[in-house]
Amino acid sequence: MLGSTVFFAFMVIAIRLASESLHTFQVAFFRCFFGMLATAPLLIRHGPGLLRTKHLPRYVVRCLVGTASMLCGFWAIGNLPLAQAVSLSYSTPLFVTIAAVLWLGEQVRARRWTAVVLGFIGVLVIVRPGTEGFSAGTLVALSAAVLSGLVSIQIKQLSALEPADRIVMWTTILWVPMSLVPALTVWEWPQGIAWLWVIAAGALGTAGHMLWTRALKLGEVSALTPISFMQLPIVAVLAFLLFGEGVDRWTVLGASIIFGANAYIAHREATLSRRAATSAPSTGAKPGE
């Protein structure tokens, strides 16, 4: 998960650089197209059998939600201060926790619900609705976070049925036509160095996605997702060096609250997992008891 976080951080920078001359829809398409090319070694390694699946409808739904999340997220990266866009993306674990209860039947007790509530307070600190600092664009970033949370749950469900490489392969294949449709409405060819940025976004995004999928297959989704918070300091430093962007105190405060909530959720998940692993063989205790 930490490795995927580094790749995604550099992908954010590539997206911002590409967005200086291309529409968000086009950047998303090229990220998907070159990302698909980057997965070609998987098909060479495993052969055509990698594409055999009985769960194509699940992939289609997962990719439709993922495409919507990607378009919202890319727009936020291209139009909001990077630190703010990334900070709001870290509300995803809060939505993941809620969705894990509704979809996966995971038990969440009072202390973790308290952490979720505190996390949403952090979101409000960043967004500041009703003040002069409020921007409607932050709602787009939050939409990306909600949809990304749903994607995390869908990936977790798929990973119990399918190998990680198949999930990555089908995801990148389906993303291309799904992202092409909106891109055609604003189409223009990249010029000059913009090609480098869209190619980099595709390669970095696919590398991050491959590691992310494997992480979700190996561990609890609500425990692993908060690790990606390391993306924020990396992006904040690069945004300052490359674009001269600072970080306002509200973003720092809100991000700190979100981080604290996510850290507690991760800690609680790890504690419950260890307890379940220790007690299950001898007592048959259920996770969370």
C-alpha atoms as a PDB file:
ATOM      1  CA  MET A   1       0.000   0.000   0.000  1.00  0.00           C
ATOM      2  CA  LEU A   2       2.866   2.363   0.755  1.00  0.00           C
ATOM      3  CA  GLY A   3       4.450   1.612  -2.623  1.00  0.00           C
ATOM      4  CA  SER A   4       1.170   2.326  -4.393  1.00  0.00           C
ATOM      5  CA  THR A   5       0.924   5.609  -2.491  1.00  0.00           C
ATOM      6  CA  VAL A   6       4.246   6.851  -3.875  1.00  0.00           C
ATOM      7  CA  PHE A   7       3.235   6.015  -7.441  1.00  0.00           C
ATOM      8  CA  PHE A   8      -0.136   7.722  -7.017  1.00  0.00           C
ATOM      9  CA  ALA A   9       1.557  10.834  -5.590  1.00  0.00           C
ATOM     10  CA  PHE A  10       3.706  11.245  -8.693  1.00  0.00           C
ATOM     11  CA  MET A  11       0.679  10.471 -10.859  1.00  0.00           C
ATOM     12  CA  VAL A  12      -1.084  13.470  -9.253  1.00  0.00           C
ATOM     13  CA  ILE A  13       1.786  15.729 -10.318  1.00  0.00           C
ATOM     14  CA  ALA A  14       1.716  14.334 -13.863  1.00  0.00           C
ATOM     15  CA  ILE A  15      -2.056  14.935 -14.047  1.00  0.00           C
ATOM     16  CA  ARG A  16      -1.682  18.543 -12.902  1.00  0.00           C
ATOM     17  CA  LEU A  17       1.039  19.159 -15.496  1.00  0.00           C
ATOM     18  CA  ALA A  18      -1.064  17.569 -18.241  1.00  0.00           C
ATOM     19  CA  SER A  19      -4.137  19.564 -17.155  1.00  0.00           C
ATOM     20  CA  GLU A  20      -2.346  22.814 -17.939  1.00  0.00           C
ATOM     21  CA  SER A  21      -2.949  22.187 -21.653  1.00  0.00           C
ATOM     22  CA  LEU A  22      -5.597  19.433 -21.816  1.00  0.00           C
ATOM     23  CA  HIS A  23      -9.176  19.035 -20.594  1.00  0.00           C
ATOM     24  CA  THR A  24      -9.735  16.779 -17.580  1.00  0.00           C
ATOM     25  CA  PHE A  25     -11.699  14.280 -19.685  1.00  0.00           C
ATOM     26  CA  GLN A  26      -8.779  13.887 -22.075  1.00  0.00           C
ATOM     27  CA  VAL A  27      -6.244  13.515 -19.307  1.00  0.00           C
ATOM     28  CA  ALA A  28      -8.399  10.759 -17.798  1.00  0.00           C
ATOM     29  CA  PHE A  29      -8.655   8.962 -21.159  1.00  0.00           C
ATOM     30  CA  PHE A  30      -4.926   9.066 -21.851  1.00  0.00           C
ATOM     31  CA  ARG A  31      -4.211   7.914 -18.298  1.00  0.00           C
ATOM     32  CA  CYS A  32      -6.458   4.909 -18.993  1.00  0.00           C
ATOM     33  CA  PHE A  33      -5.085   4.250 -22.495  1.00  0.00           C
ATOM     34  CA  PHE A  34      -1.417   4.327 -21.552  1.00  0.00           C
ATOM     35  CA  GLY A  35      -2.256   2.538 -18.324  1.00  0.00           C
ATOM     36  CA  MET A  36      -3.733  -0.299 -20.384  1.00  0.00           C
ATOM     37  CA  LEU A  37      -0.547  -0.486 -22.461  1.00  0.00           C
ATOM     38  CA  ALA A  38       1.452  -0.684 -19.233  1.00  0.00           C
ATOM     39  CA  THR A  39      -0.473  -3.826 -18.252  1.00  0.00           C
ATOM     40  CA  ALA A  40       0.504  -5.647 -21.481  1.00  0.00           C
ATOM     41  CA  PRO A  41       3.315  -7.580 -19.716  1.00  0.00           C
ATOM     42  CA  LEU A  42       0.664  -9.178 -17.504  1.00  0.00           C
ATOM     43  CA  LEU A  43      -1.107 -10.598 -20.549  1.00  0.00           C
ATOM     44  CA  ILE A  44       2.197 -11.797 -22.011  1.00  0.00           C
ATOM     45  CA  ARG A  45       3.119 -13.425 -18.727  1.00  0.00           C
ATOM     46  CA  HIS A  46      -0.175 -15.203 -18.064  1.00  0.00           C
ATOM     47  CA  GLY A  47      -1.511 -15.644 -21.592  1.00  0.00           C
ATOM     48  CA  PRO A  48      -5.082 -15.137 -22.859  1.00  0.00           C
ATOM     49  CA  GLY A  49      -6.365 -17.237 -19.974  1.00  0.00           C
ATOM     50  CA  LEU A  50      -5.893 -14.209 -17.754  1.00  0.00           C
ATOM     51  CA  LEU A  51      -9.006 -12.670 -19.326  1.00  0.00           C
ATOM     52  CA  ARG A  52     -11.292 -15.628 -18.585  1.00  0.00           C
ATOM     53  CA  THR A  53     -13.805 -14.600 -15.954  1.00  0.00           C
ATOM     54  CA  LYS A  54     -17.317 -15.405 -14.789  1.00  0.00           C
ATOM     55  CA  HIS A  55     -17.715 -11.990 -13.184  1.00  0.00           C
ATOM     56  CA  LEU A  56     -17.743  -9.569 -16.109  1.00  0.00           C
ATOM     57  CA  PRO A  57     -20.891  -7.730 -14.871  1.00  0.00           C
ATOM     58  CA  ARG A  58     -19.084  -7.024 -11.585  1.00  0.00           C
ATOM     59  CA  TYR A  59     -16.153  -5.564 -13.520  1.00  0.00           C
ATOM     60  CA  VAL A  60     -18.448  -3.369 -15.601  1.00  0.00           C
ATOM     61  CA  VAL A  61     -20.148  -1.922 -12.519  1.00  0.00           C
ATOM     62  CA  ARG A  62     -16.819  -1.472 -10.715  1.00  0.00           C
ATOM     63  CA  CYS A  63     -15.328   0.316 -13.740  1.00  0.00           C
ATOM     64  CA  LEU A  64     -18.328   2.587 -14.275  1.00  0.00           C
ATOM     65  CA  VAL A  65     -18.086   3.753 -10.664  1.00  0.00           C
ATOM     66  CA  GLY A  66     -14.312   3.983 -10.977  1.00  0.00           C
ATOM     67  CA  THR A  67     -14.542   6.097 -14.145  1.00  0.00           C
ATOM     68  CA  ALA A  68     -16.901   8.550 -12.456  1.00  0.00           C
ATOM     69  CA  SER A  69     -14.578   8.731  -9.456  1.00  0.00           C
ATOM     70  CA  MET A  70     -11.571   9.279 -11.726  1.00  0.00           C
ATOM     71  CA  LEU A  71     -13.206  12.117 -13.655  1.00  0.00           C
ATOM     72  CA  CYS A  72     -14.158  13.895 -10.426  1.00  0.00           C
ATOM     73  CA  GLY A  73     -10.743  13.314  -8.901  1.00  0.00           C
ATOM     74  CA  PHE A  74      -8.842  14.473 -11.989  1.00  0.00           C
ATOM     75  CA  TRP A  75     -10.963  17.615 -12.170  1.00  0.00           C
ATOM     76  CA  ALA A  76     -10.131  18.375  -8.535  1.00  0.00           C
ATOM     77  CA  ILE A  77      -6.407  17.847  -9.160  1.00  0.00           C
ATOM     78  CA  GLY A  78      -6.488  20.157 -12.164  1.00  0.00           C
ATOM     79  CA  ASN A  79      -8.575  22.938 -10.598  1.00  0.00           C
ATOM     80  CA  LEU A  80      -8.072  22.946  -6.803  1.00  0.00           C
ATOM     81  CA  PRO A  81      -4.901  23.518  -4.783  1.00  0.00           C
ATOM     82  CA  LEU A  82      -3.189  20.119  -4.832  1.00  0.00           C
ATOM     83  CA  ALA A  83      -2.890  19.796  -1.052  1.00  0.00           C
ATOM     84  CA  GLN A  84      -6.605  20.508  -0.673  1.00  0.00           C
ATOM     85  CA  ALA A  85      -7.599  18.073  -3.426  1.00  0.00           C
ATOM     86  CA  VAL A  86      -5.471  15.299  -1.941  1.00  0.00           C
ATOM     87  CA  SER A  87      -6.584  16.064   1.627  1.00  0.00           C
ATOM     88  CA  LEU A  88     -10.227  15.682   0.661  1.00  0.00           C
ATOM     89  CA  SER A  89      -9.445  12.423  -1.112  1.00  0.00           C
ATOM     90  CA  TYR A  90      -8.443  11.062   2.297  1.00  0.00           C
ATOM     91  CA  SER A  91     -12.014  11.157   3.429  1.00  0.00           C
ATOM     92  CA  THR A  92     -12.318   7.965   1.364  1.00  0.00           C
ATOM     93  CA  PRO A  93     -11.561   5.655   4.352  1.00  0.00           C
ATOM     94  CA  LEU A  94     -14.499   7.208   6.196  1.00  0.00           C
ATOM     95  CA  PHE A  95     -16.828   6.217   3.378  1.00  0.00           C
ATOM     96  CA  VAL A  96     -15.076   2.846   3.121  1.00  0.00           C
ATOM     97  CA  THR A  97     -15.841   2.150   6.782  1.00  0.00           C
ATOM     98  CA  ILE A  98     -19.527   2.943   6.260  1.00  0.00           C
ATOM     99  CA  ALA A  99     -19.697   0.888   3.062  1.00  0.00           C
ATOM    100  CA  ALA A 100     -17.845  -2.024   4.699  1.00  0.00           C
ATOM    101  CA  VAL A 101     -20.632  -2.227   7.267  1.00  0.00           C
ATOM    102  CA  LEU A 102     -23.395  -2.083   4.655  1.00  0.00           C
ATOM    103  CA  TRP A 103     -21.832  -4.302   1.982  1.00  0.00           C
ATOM    104  CA  LEU A 104     -19.313  -6.593   3.696  1.00  0.00           C
ATOM    105  CA  GLY A 105     -21.052  -6.956   7.038  1.00  0.00           C
ATOM    106  CA  GLU A 106     -17.974  -5.790   8.975  1.00  0.00           C
ATOM    107  CA  GLN A 107     -18.644  -4.934  12.614  1.00  0.00           C
ATOM    108  CA  VAL A 108     -17.953  -1.329  13.573  1.00  0.00           C
ATOM    109  CA  ARG A 109     -18.459  -0.354  17.185  1.00  0.00           C
ATOM    110  CA  ALA A 110     -18.885   2.995  18.930  1.00  0.00           C
ATOM    111  CA  ARG A 111     -15.226   4.013  19.011  1.00  0.00           C
ATOM    112  CA  ARG A 112     -14.739   3.609  15.279  1.00  0.00           C
ATOM    113  CA  TRP A 113     -18.023   5.395  14.569  1.00  0.00           C
ATOM    114  CA  THR A 114     -16.685   8.231  16.716  1.00  0.00           C
ATOM    115  CA  ALA A 115     -13.547   8.294  14.563  1.00  0.00           C
ATOM    116  CA  VAL A 116     -15.695   8.469  11.439  1.00  0.00           C
ATOM    117  CA  VAL A 117     -17.645  11.432  12.850  1.00  0.00           C
ATOM    118  CA  LEU A 118     -14.396  13.221  13.751  1.00  0.00           C
ATOM    119  CA  GLY A 119     -13.106  12.556  10.242  1.00  0.00           C
ATOM    120  CA  PHE A 120     -16.134  14.249   8.756  1.00  0.00           C
ATOM    121  CA  ILE A 121     -15.522  17.224  11.060  1.00  0.00           C
ATOM    122  CA  GLY A 122     -12.072  17.415   9.466  1.00  0.00           C
ATOM    123  CA  VAL A 123     -13.722  17.443   6.037  1.00  0.00           C
ATOM    124  CA  LEU A 124     -15.949  20.343   7.105  1.00  0.00           C
ATOM    125  CA  VAL A 125     -12.889  22.251   8.350  1.00  0.00           C
ATOM    126  CA  ILE A 126     -11.317  21.976   4.893  1.00  0.00           C
ATOM    127  CA  VAL A 127     -14.492  22.682   2.913  1.00  0.00           C
ATOM    128  CA  ARG A 128     -15.818  25.416   5.269  1.00  0.00           C
ATOM    129  CA  PRO A 129     -19.358  25.574   3.851  1.00  0.00           C
ATOM    130  CA  GLY A 130     -21.056  28.941   4.232  1.00  0.00           C
ATOM    131  CA  THR A 131     -17.785  30.898   4.413  1.00  0.00           C
ATOM    132  CA  GLU A 132     -15.851  32.944   1.879  1.00  0.00           C
ATOM    133  CA  GLY A 133     -13.305  30.141   1.692  1.00  0.00           C
ATOM    134  CA  PHE A 134     -15.889  27.677   0.393  1.00  0.00           C
ATOM    135  CA  SER A 135     -15.494  26.484  -3.186  1.00  0.00           C
ATOM    136  CA  ALA A 136     -18.067  24.391  -5.024  1.00  0.00           C
ATOM    137  CA  GLY A 137     -15.123  22.519  -6.508  1.00  0.00           C
ATOM    138  CA  THR A 138     -14.505  20.871  -3.156  1.00  0.00           C
ATOM    139  CA  LEU A 139     -17.828  19.052  -3.593  1.00  0.00           C
ATOM    140  CA  VAL A 140     -16.420  17.486  -6.760  1.00  0.00           C
ATOM    141  CA  ALA A 141     -13.412  16.273  -4.770  1.00  0.00           C
ATOM    142  CA  LEU A 142     -15.731  14.851  -2.106  1.00  0.00           C
ATOM    143  CA  SER A 143     -17.768  13.075  -4.787  1.00  0.00           C
ATOM    144  CA  ALA A 144     -14.554  11.439  -5.973  1.00  0.00           C
ATOM    145  CA  ALA A 145     -13.879  10.283  -2.394  1.00  0.00           C
ATOM    146  CA  VAL A 146     -17.346   8.770  -1.993  1.00  0.00           C
ATOM    147  CA  LEU A 147     -17.103   6.910  -5.286  1.00  0.00           C
ATOM    148  CA  SER A 148     -13.551   5.793  -4.509  1.00  0.00           C
ATOM    149  CA  GLY A 149     -14.808   4.302  -1.258  1.00  0.00           C
ATOM    150  CA  LEU A 150     -17.351   2.263  -3.193  1.00  0.00           C
ATOM    151  CA  VAL A 151     -14.616   1.127  -5.570  1.00  0.00           C
ATOM    152  CA  SER A 152     -12.488  -0.068  -2.633  1.00  0.00           C
ATOM    153  CA  ILE A 153     -15.323  -2.260  -1.420  1.00  0.00           C
ATOM    154  CA  GLN A 154     -15.950  -3.614  -4.914  1.00  0.00           C
ATOM    155  CA  ILE A 155     -12.251  -4.429  -5.309  1.00  0.00           C
ATOM    156  CA  LYS A 156     -12.275  -6.210  -1.961  1.00  0.00           C
ATOM    157  CA  GLN A 157     -15.231  -8.316  -3.073  1.00  0.00           C
ATOM    158  CA  LEU A 158     -13.667  -9.093  -6.449  1.00  0.00           C
ATOM    159  CA  SER A 159     -10.303  -9.975  -4.888  1.00  0.00           C
ATOM    160  CA  ALA A 160     -11.980 -12.820  -3.009  1.00  0.00           C
ATOM    161  CA  LEU A 161     -13.044 -14.302  -6.349  1.00  0.00           C
ATOM    162  CA  GLU A 162     -10.368 -13.281  -8.842  1.00  0.00           C
ATOM    163  CA  PRO A 163      -6.542 -13.017  -8.972  1.00  0.00           C
ATOM    164  CA  ALA A 164      -5.125  -9.517  -8.634  1.00  0.00           C
ATOM    165  CA  ASP A 165      -3.619  -9.453 -12.157  1.00  0.00           C
ATOM    166  CA  ARG A 166      -6.998 -10.282 -13.727  1.00  0.00           C
ATOM    167  CA  ILE A 167      -8.660  -7.467 -11.792  1.00  0.00           C
ATOM    168  CA  VAL A 168      -6.023  -4.997 -12.973  1.00  0.00           C
ATOM    169  CA  MET A 169      -6.213  -6.240 -16.565  1.00  0.00           C
ATOM    170  CA  TRP A 170      -9.987  -6.069 -16.903  1.00  0.00           C
ATOM    171  CA  THR A 171     -10.136  -2.734 -15.092  1.00  0.00           C
ATOM    172  CA  THR A 172      -7.651  -1.074 -17.435  1.00  0.00           C
ATOM    173  CA  ILE A 173      -9.333  -2.576 -20.523  1.00  0.00           C
ATOM    174  CA  LEU A 174     -12.825  -1.403 -19.570  1.00  0.00           C
ATOM    175  CA  TRP A 175     -11.661   2.030 -18.452  1.00  0.00           C
ATOM    176  CA  VAL A 176     -10.469   2.915 -21.967  1.00  0.00           C
ATOM    177  CA  PRO A 177     -13.850   2.945 -23.790  1.00  0.00           C
ATOM    178  CA  MET A 178     -15.644   4.294 -20.717  1.00  0.00           C
ATOM    179  CA  SER A 179     -13.286   7.276 -20.461  1.00  0.00           C
ATOM    180  CA  LEU A 180     -13.159   7.801 -24.240  1.00  0.00           C
ATOM    181  CA  VAL A 181     -16.842   8.760 -24.466  1.00  0.00           C
ATOM    182  CA  PRO A 182     -16.563  12.009 -22.435  1.00  0.00           C
ATOM    183  CA  ALA A 183     -13.102  12.723 -23.895  1.00  0.00           C
ATOM    184  CA  LEU A 184     -14.496  12.822 -27.445  1.00  0.00           C
ATOM    185  CA  THR A 185     -16.745  15.754 -26.502  1.00  0.00           C
ATOM    186  CA  VAL A 186     -13.692  17.970 -25.871  1.00  0.00           C
ATOM    187  CA  TRP A 187     -11.101  16.245 -28.032  1.00  0.00           C
ATOM    188  CA  GLU A 188      -7.808  17.821 -29.086  1.00  0.00           C
ATOM    189  CA  TRP A 189      -4.437  16.131 -29.527  1.00  0.00           C
ATOM    190  CA  PRO A 190      -1.742  16.693 -26.877  1.00  0.00           C
ATOM    191  CA  GLN A 191       1.162  18.851 -27.990  1.00  0.00           C
ATOM    192  CA  GLY A 192       4.848  18.622 -27.108  1.00  0.00           C
ATOM    193  CA  ILE A 193       5.700  17.736 -23.535  1.00  0.00           C
ATOM    194  CA  ALA A 194       2.036  17.088 -22.716  1.00  0.00           C
ATOM    195  CA  TRP A 195       2.589  13.633 -24.226  1.00  0.00           C
ATOM    196  CA  LEU A 196       5.181  12.918 -21.552  1.00  0.00           C
ATOM    197  CA  TRP A 197       2.780  13.869 -18.768  1.00  0.00           C
ATOM    198  CA  VAL A 198      -0.131  11.756 -20.016  1.00  0.00           C
ATOM    199  CA  ILE A 199       2.132   8.753 -20.626  1.00  0.00           C
ATOM    200  CA  ALA A 200       3.620   9.162 -17.136  1.00  0.00           C
ATOM    201  CA  ALA A 201       0.151   9.460 -15.605  1.00  0.00           C
ATOM    202  CA  GLY A 202      -0.860   6.185 -17.256  1.00  0.00           C
ATOM    203  CA  ALA A 203       2.258   4.256 -16.273  1.00  0.00           C
ATOM    204  CA  LEU A 204       2.364   5.585 -12.704  1.00  0.00           C
ATOM    205  CA  GLY A 205      -1.360   5.066 -12.215  1.00  0.00           C
ATOM    206  CA  THR A 206      -1.209   1.459 -13.400  1.00  0.00           C
ATOM    207  CA  ALA A 207       1.803   0.672 -11.210  1.00  0.00           C
ATOM    208  CA  GLY A 208       0.009   2.175  -8.215  1.00  0.00           C
ATOM    209  CA  HIS A 209      -3.191   0.320  -9.055  1.00  0.00           C
ATOM    210  CA  MET A 210      -1.371  -3.030  -9.308  1.00  0.00           C
ATOM    211  CA  LEU A 211       0.170  -2.622  -5.856  1.00  0.00           C
ATOM    212  CA  TRP A 212      -3.105  -1.276  -4.422  1.00  0.00           C
ATOM    213  CA  THR A 213      -5.063  -4.288  -5.694  1.00  0.00           C
ATOM    214  CA  ARG A 214      -2.545  -6.683  -4.161  1.00  0.00           C
ATOM    215  CA  ALA A 215      -2.656  -4.810  -0.863  1.00  0.00           C
ATOM    216  CA  LEU A 216      -6.444  -5.060  -0.705  1.00  0.00           C
ATOM    217  CA  LYS A 217      -6.232  -8.787  -1.455  1.00  0.00           C
ATOM    218  CA  LEU A 218      -3.793  -9.316   1.430  1.00  0.00           C
ATOM    219  CA  GLY A 219      -5.336  -7.146   4.147  1.00  0.00           C
ATOM    220  CA  GLU A 220      -8.465  -5.510   5.530  1.00  0.00           C
ATOM    221  CA  VAL A 221      -9.642  -2.645   3.346  1.00  0.00           C
ATOM    222  CA  SER A 222     -10.388  -0.277   6.228  1.00  0.00           C
ATOM    223  CA  ALA A 223      -6.983  -1.005   7.805  1.00  0.00           C
ATOM    224  CA  LEU A 224      -4.901  -0.528   4.649  1.00  0.00           C
ATOM    225  CA  THR A 225      -6.544   2.508   3.075  1.00  0.00           C
ATOM    226  CA  PRO A 226      -5.317   5.049   5.692  1.00  0.00           C
ATOM    227  CA  ILE A 227      -1.683   4.186   4.835  1.00  0.00           C
ATOM    228  CA  SER A 228      -2.167   6.091   1.598  1.00  0.00           C
ATOM    229  CA  PHE A 229      -2.209   9.305   3.674  1.00  0.00           C
ATOM    230  CA  MET A 230       1.553   9.478   3.075  1.00  0.00           C
ATOM    231  CA  GLN A 231       0.641  10.777  -0.371  1.00  0.00           C
ATOM    232  CA  LEU A 232      -0.243  14.179   1.099  1.00  0.00           C
ATOM    233  CA  PRO A 233       3.216  15.326   2.294  1.00  0.00           C
ATOM    234  CA  ILE A 234       4.801  14.086  -0.935  1.00  0.00           C
ATOM    235  CA  VAL A 235       2.310  16.008  -3.074  1.00  0.00           C
ATOM    236  CA  ALA A 236       2.464  19.107  -0.836  1.00  0.00           C
ATOM    237  CA  VAL A 237       6.259  19.345  -1.175  1.00  0.00           C
ATOM    238  CA  LEU A 238       6.186  18.802  -4.944  1.00  0.00           C
ATOM    239  CA  ALA A 239       3.318  21.296  -5.358  1.00  0.00           C
ATOM    240  CA  PHE A 240       5.377  23.918  -3.518  1.00  0.00           C
ATOM    241  CA  LEU A 241       8.522  23.229  -5.538  1.00  0.00           C
ATOM    242  CA  LEU A 242       6.853  22.971  -8.954  1.00  0.00           C
ATOM    243  CA  PHE A 243       3.843  25.307  -8.718  1.00  0.00           C
ATOM    244  CA  GLY A 244       4.603  27.569  -5.767  1.00  0.00           C
ATOM    245  CA  GLU A 245       1.488  26.370  -3.930  1.00  0.00           C
ATOM    246  CA  GLY A 246       1.328  26.760  -0.194  1.00  0.00           C
ATOM    247  CA  VAL A 247      -0.927  24.958   2.259  1.00  0.00           C
ATOM    248  CA  ASP A 248      -3.447  27.051   4.204  1.00  0.00           C
ATOM    249  CA  ARG A 249      -4.005  26.448   7.912  1.00  0.00           C
ATOM    250  CA  TRP A 250      -7.546  25.125   7.402  1.00  0.00           C
ATOM    251  CA  THR A 251      -6.306  22.411   5.073  1.00  0.00           C
ATOM    252  CA  VAL A 252      -3.568  21.475   7.540  1.00  0.00           C
ATOM    253  CA  LEU A 253      -6.003  21.393  10.460  1.00  0.00           C
ATOM    254  CA  GLY A 254      -8.689  19.471   8.573  1.00  0.00           C
ATOM    255  CA  ALA A 255      -6.177  17.027   7.111  1.00  0.00           C
ATOM    256  CA  SER A 256      -4.719  16.419  10.580  1.00  0.00           C
ATOM    257  CA  ILE A 257      -8.175  15.597  11.964  1.00  0.00           C
ATOM    258  CA  ILE A 258      -8.876  13.260   9.045  1.00  0.00           C
ATOM    259  CA  PHE A 259      -5.488  11.624   9.505  1.00  0.00           C
ATOM    260  CA  GLY A 260      -6.135  11.091  13.214  1.00  0.00           C
ATOM    261  CA  ALA A 261      -9.509   9.516  12.477  1.00  0.00           C
ATOM    262  CA  ASN A 262      -8.037   7.287   9.784  1.00  0.00           C
ATOM    263  CA  ALA A 263      -5.130   6.285  12.018  1.00  0.00           C
ATOM    264  CA  TYR A 264      -7.524   5.206  14.751  1.00  0.00           C
ATOM    265  CA  ILE A 265      -9.647   3.236  12.286  1.00  0.00           C
ATOM    266  CA  ALA A 266      -6.496   1.471  11.037  1.00  0.00           C
ATOM    267  CA  HIS A 267      -5.301   0.795  14.602  1.00  0.00           C
ATOM    268  CA  ARG A 268      -8.670  -0.587  15.632  1.00  0.00           C
ATOM    269  CA  GLU A 269      -8.867  -2.822  12.566  1.00  0.00           C
ATOM    270  CA  ALA A 270      -5.396  -4.215  13.265  1.00  0.00           C
ATOM    271  CA  THR A 271      -6.253  -4.839  16.925  1.00  0.00           C
ATOM    272  CA  LEU A 272      -9.442  -6.703  16.059  1.00  0.00           C
ATOM    273  CA  SER A 273      -7.679  -8.746  13.385  1.00  0.00           C
ATOM    274  CA  ARG A 274      -4.951  -9.849  15.805  1.00  0.00           C
ATOM    275  CA  ARG A 275      -7.525 -10.651  18.465  1.00  0.00           C
ATOM    276  CA  ALA A 276      -9.570 -12.719  16.021  1.00  0.00           C
ATOM    277  CA  ALA A 277      -6.487 -14.583  14.780  1.00  0.00           C
ATOM    278  CA  THR A 278      -5.426 -15.391  18.349  1.00  0.00           C
ATOM    279  CA  SER A 279      -8.780 -16.407  19.765  1.00  0.00           C
ATOM    280  CA  ALA A 280     -10.475 -18.112  16.827  1.00  0.00           C
ATOM    281  CA  PRO A 281      -8.562 -21.444  16.917  1.00  0.00           C
ATOM    282  CA  SER A 282      -9.114 -22.037  20.633  1.00  0.00           C
ATOM    283  CA  THR A 283     -12.386 -20.299  21.465  1.00  0.00           C
ATOM    284  CA  GLY A 284     -14.132 -19.861  18.151  1.00  0.00           C
ATOM    285  CA  ALA A 285     -14.689 -16.187  18.960  1.00  0.00           C
ATOM    286  CA  LYS A 286     -16.026 -14.023  16.181  1.00  0.00           C
ATOM    287  CA  PRO A 287     -14.098 -10.973  14.939  1.00  0.00           C
ATOM    288  CA  GLY A 288     -14.897  -7.937  17.037  1.00  0.00           C
ATOM    289  CA  GLU A 289     -15.980  -9.865  20.124  1.00  0.00           C
END
